[in-house]
Amino acid sequence: MEELKYYEVEFGKHNDLTDVYSICIIGKRLPRLKEAEDFCKQDMKMLGYDYVNDVEEISAEEAHSFFDMDNEANFPIFE
């Protein structure tokens, strides 16, 4: 079974470069920025953000410390 990894995805706004928001996604590999934008499109729209600014792999401990992971079993998996 392939190991799943945790990624922090940072959203940004075109009109306010200081306004950023991060979510955690789970994936089989590190997504490129465009892939992350496509994967997170609904979240970005719902939260009012325009693009993915950064994607960084984080540890499971960081994911569970900094993000709400209560519904982790139902998270979509980036492939």
N, C-alpha and C. Protein backbone atom coordinates (compact mmCIF):
# COMPACT_ATOMS: atom_id res chain seq x y z
N MET A 1 0.84 -1.19 0.00
CA MET A 1 0.00 0.00 0.00
C MET A 1 0.88 1.25 0.00
N GLU A 2 0.54 2.19 -0.86
CA GLU A 2 1.32 3.41 -0.99
C GLU A 2 1.10 4.33 0.21
N GLU A 3 2.18 4.89 0.71
CA GLU A 3 2.10 5.79 1.86
C GLU A 3 1.52 7.14 1.45
N LEU A 4 0.54 7.60 2.20
CA LEU A 4 -0.04 8.92 1.96
C LEU A 4 0.76 9.96 2.72
N LYS A 5 0.83 11.15 2.15
CA LYS A 5 1.59 12.25 2.75
C LYS A 5 0.67 13.43 2.95
N TYR A 6 1.11 14.35 3.80
CA TYR A 6 0.34 15.55 4.12
C TYR A 6 1.01 16.75 3.47
N TYR A 7 0.17 17.64 2.94
CA TYR A 7 0.68 18.84 2.28
C TYR A 7 -0.08 20.07 2.75
N GLU A 8 0.66 21.11 3.07
CA GLU A 8 0.05 22.40 3.37
C GLU A 8 -0.05 23.16 2.05
N VAL A 9 -1.27 23.58 1.73
CA VAL A 9 -1.53 24.33 0.50
C VAL A 9 -1.92 25.74 0.90
N GLU A 10 -1.15 26.72 0.43
CA GLU A 10 -1.39 28.12 0.78
C GLU A 10 -2.10 28.83 -0.37
N PHE A 11 -3.24 29.44 -0.06
CA PHE A 11 -4.01 30.20 -1.04
C PHE A 11 -3.64 31.68 -0.95
N GLY A 12 -3.77 32.39 -2.08
CA GLY A 12 -3.53 33.83 -2.11
C GLY A 12 -4.61 34.54 -2.91
N LYS A 13 -4.60 35.87 -2.79
CA LYS A 13 -5.53 36.74 -3.53
C LYS A 13 -4.74 37.68 -4.43
N HIS A 14 -5.23 37.89 -5.64
CA HIS A 14 -4.55 38.79 -6.57
C HIS A 14 -4.53 40.23 -6.05
N ASN A 15 -5.60 40.65 -5.40
CA ASN A 15 -5.71 42.05 -4.99
C ASN A 15 -5.16 42.33 -3.59
N ASP A 16 -4.68 41.30 -2.88
CA ASP A 16 -4.13 41.51 -1.54
C ASP A 16 -3.08 40.43 -1.27
N LEU A 17 -1.85 40.73 -1.57
CA LEU A 17 -0.78 39.74 -1.46
C LEU A 17 -0.46 39.34 -0.02
N THR A 18 -0.96 40.10 0.96
CA THR A 18 -0.71 39.76 2.36
C THR A 18 -1.78 38.84 2.93
N ASP A 19 -2.90 38.67 2.23
CA ASP A 19 -3.99 37.82 2.69
C ASP A 19 -3.79 36.41 2.16
N VAL A 20 -3.34 35.51 3.04
CA VAL A 20 -3.11 34.12 2.66
C VAL A 20 -3.86 33.22 3.64
N TYR A 21 -4.17 32.02 3.18
CA TYR A 21 -4.89 31.04 4.00
C TYR A 21 -4.38 29.67 3.62
N SER A 22 -4.17 28.81 4.59
CA SER A 22 -3.64 27.47 4.33
C SER A 22 -4.63 26.39 4.72
N ILE A 23 -4.63 25.33 3.93
CA ILE A 23 -5.37 24.12 4.26
C ILE A 23 -4.41 22.94 4.15
N CYS A 24 -4.83 21.82 4.69
CA CYS A 24 -4.06 20.59 4.58
C CYS A 24 -4.77 19.64 3.64
N ILE A 25 -4.01 19.07 2.71
CA ILE A 25 -4.54 18.02 1.86
C ILE A 25 -3.69 16.77 2.05
N ILE A 26 -4.24 15.65 1.65
CA ILE A 26 -3.54 14.37 1.72
C ILE A 26 -3.34 13.88 0.30
N GLY A 27 -2.15 13.37 0.02
CA GLY A 27 -1.88 12.92 -1.33
C GLY A 27 -0.85 11.82 -1.39
N LYS A 28 -0.77 11.24 -2.58
CA LYS A 28 0.22 10.20 -2.84
C LYS A 28 1.55 10.79 -3.29
N ARG A 29 1.50 12.07 -3.75
CA ARG A 29 2.73 12.75 -4.18
C ARG A 29 2.49 14.26 -4.07
N LEU A 30 3.57 15.00 -4.13
CA LEU A 30 3.52 16.46 -4.05
C LEU A 30 2.88 17.02 -5.33
N PRO A 31 1.76 17.75 -5.20
CA PRO A 31 1.16 18.34 -6.40
C PRO A 31 1.91 19.59 -6.84
N ARG A 32 1.96 19.80 -8.16
CA ARG A 32 2.47 21.07 -8.69
C ARG A 32 1.42 22.13 -8.38
N LEU A 33 1.78 23.42 -8.50
CA LEU A 33 0.86 24.49 -8.14
C LEU A 33 -0.46 24.40 -8.90
N LYS A 34 -0.41 24.18 -10.21
CA LYS A 34 -1.63 24.10 -11.01
C LYS A 34 -2.47 22.89 -10.60
N GLU A 35 -1.83 21.78 -10.32
CA GLU A 35 -2.55 20.60 -9.86
C GLU A 35 -3.25 20.87 -8.53
N ALA A 36 -2.54 21.55 -7.63
CA ALA A 36 -3.13 21.90 -6.34
C ALA A 36 -4.31 22.85 -6.52
N GLU A 37 -4.19 23.82 -7.44
CA GLU A 37 -5.30 24.74 -7.72
C GLU A 37 -6.52 23.98 -8.22
N ASP A 38 -6.30 23.06 -9.14
CA ASP A 38 -7.41 22.27 -9.67
C ASP A 38 -8.04 21.41 -8.57
N PHE A 39 -7.22 20.80 -7.74
CA PHE A 39 -7.69 19.92 -6.67
C PHE A 39 -8.46 20.70 -5.60
N CYS A 40 -8.03 21.93 -5.33
CA CYS A 40 -8.60 22.75 -4.25
C CYS A 40 -9.56 23.83 -4.75
N LYS A 41 -9.95 23.76 -6.01
CA LYS A 41 -10.75 24.81 -6.64
C LYS A 41 -11.99 25.18 -5.81
N GLN A 42 -12.74 24.19 -5.34
CA GLN A 42 -13.96 24.46 -4.58
C GLN A 42 -13.64 25.14 -3.25
N ASP A 43 -12.59 24.70 -2.57
CA ASP A 43 -12.19 25.32 -1.31
C ASP A 43 -11.78 26.77 -1.52
N MET A 44 -10.99 27.01 -2.56
CA MET A 44 -10.54 28.39 -2.85
C MET A 44 -11.74 29.28 -3.12
N LYS A 45 -12.67 28.81 -3.93
CA LYS A 45 -13.86 29.60 -4.26
C LYS A 45 -14.69 29.88 -3.01
N MET A 46 -14.92 28.86 -2.21
CA MET A 46 -15.71 29.01 -0.99
C MET A 46 -15.07 30.01 -0.01
N LEU A 47 -13.75 30.01 0.05
CA LEU A 47 -13.04 30.88 0.99
C LEU A 47 -12.68 32.24 0.40
N GLY A 48 -12.90 32.43 -0.90
CA GLY A 48 -12.65 33.72 -1.53
C GLY A 48 -11.21 33.96 -1.95
N TYR A 49 -10.48 32.90 -2.29
CA TYR A 49 -9.09 33.03 -2.74
C TYR A 49 -8.98 32.71 -4.22
N ASP A 50 -7.91 33.22 -4.86
CA ASP A 50 -7.77 33.17 -6.31
C ASP A 50 -6.80 32.13 -6.85
N TYR A 51 -5.79 31.80 -6.09
CA TYR A 51 -4.76 30.91 -6.62
C TYR A 51 -4.01 30.22 -5.48
N VAL A 52 -3.24 29.20 -5.84
CA VAL A 52 -2.36 28.53 -4.88
C VAL A 52 -1.00 29.20 -4.94
N ASN A 53 -0.56 29.66 -3.81
CA ASN A 53 0.70 30.38 -3.67
C ASN A 53 1.88 29.44 -3.40
N ASP A 54 1.60 28.34 -2.68
CA ASP A 54 2.69 27.44 -2.28
C ASP A 54 2.10 26.10 -1.87
N VAL A 55 2.89 25.04 -2.04
CA VAL A 55 2.55 23.71 -1.57
C VAL A 55 3.80 23.15 -0.92
N GLU A 56 3.64 22.66 0.31
CA GLU A 56 4.79 22.16 1.05
C GLU A 56 4.41 20.88 1.79
N GLU A 57 5.27 19.87 1.70
CA GLU A 57 5.03 18.64 2.47
C GLU A 57 5.25 18.93 3.95
N ILE A 58 4.34 18.41 4.77
CA ILE A 58 4.46 18.54 6.23
C ILE A 58 4.32 17.16 6.85
N SER A 59 4.73 17.05 8.09
CA SER A 59 4.62 15.76 8.79
C SER A 59 3.18 15.54 9.27
N ALA A 60 2.88 14.31 9.58
CA ALA A 60 1.55 14.00 10.14
C ALA A 60 1.35 14.76 11.45
N GLU A 61 2.39 14.89 12.23
CA GLU A 61 2.30 15.61 13.50
C GLU A 61 1.95 17.08 13.27
N GLU A 62 2.60 17.71 12.28
CA GLU A 62 2.28 19.10 11.96
C GLU A 62 0.85 19.23 11.47
N ALA A 63 0.43 18.32 10.60
CA ALA A 63 -0.94 18.37 10.08
C ALA A 63 -1.95 18.32 11.21
N HIS A 64 -1.73 17.43 12.17
CA HIS A 64 -2.68 17.27 13.27
C HIS A 64 -2.55 18.37 14.32
N SER A 65 -1.44 19.06 14.34
CA SER A 65 -1.27 20.16 15.30
C SER A 65 -1.84 21.48 14.79
N PHE A 66 -1.75 21.71 13.48
CA PHE A 66 -2.10 23.01 12.94
C PHE A 66 -3.41 23.07 12.16
N PHE A 67 -3.98 21.91 11.83
CA PHE A 67 -5.20 21.88 11.01
C PHE A 67 -6.27 21.03 11.69
N ASP A 68 -7.52 21.30 11.36
CA ASP A 68 -8.64 20.51 11.86
C ASP A 68 -8.68 19.21 11.07
N MET A 69 -8.28 18.13 11.69
CA MET A 69 -8.19 16.84 11.02
C MET A 69 -9.27 15.87 11.50
N ASP A 70 -10.31 16.39 12.17
CA ASP A 70 -11.37 15.52 12.70
C ASP A 70 -12.05 14.70 11.62
N ASN A 71 -12.12 15.22 10.40
CA ASN A 71 -12.80 14.54 9.30
C ASN A 71 -11.80 13.92 8.31
N GLU A 72 -10.60 13.67 8.77
CA GLU A 72 -9.51 13.21 7.91
C GLU A 72 -9.88 11.96 7.09
N ALA A 73 -10.63 11.05 7.66
CA ALA A 73 -10.99 9.81 6.96
C ALA A 73 -11.82 10.09 5.71
N ASN A 74 -12.44 11.25 5.64
CA ASN A 74 -13.28 11.59 4.49
C ASN A 74 -12.61 12.58 3.53
N PHE A 75 -11.35 12.95 3.79
CA PHE A 75 -10.65 13.86 2.90
C PHE A 75 -10.45 13.19 1.53
N PRO A 76 -10.62 13.96 0.44
CA PRO A 76 -10.26 13.40 -0.86
C PRO A 76 -8.74 13.23 -0.93
N ILE A 77 -8.29 12.29 -1.71
CA ILE A 77 -6.85 11.98 -1.82
C ILE A 77 -6.36 12.50 -3.18
N PHE A 78 -5.31 13.33 -3.15
CA PHE A 78 -4.68 13.78 -4.38
C PHE A 78 -3.83 12.63 -4.92
N GLU A 79 -4.04 12.29 -6.19
CA GLU A 79 -3.26 11.22 -6.80
C GLU A 79 -2.44 11.77 -7.88
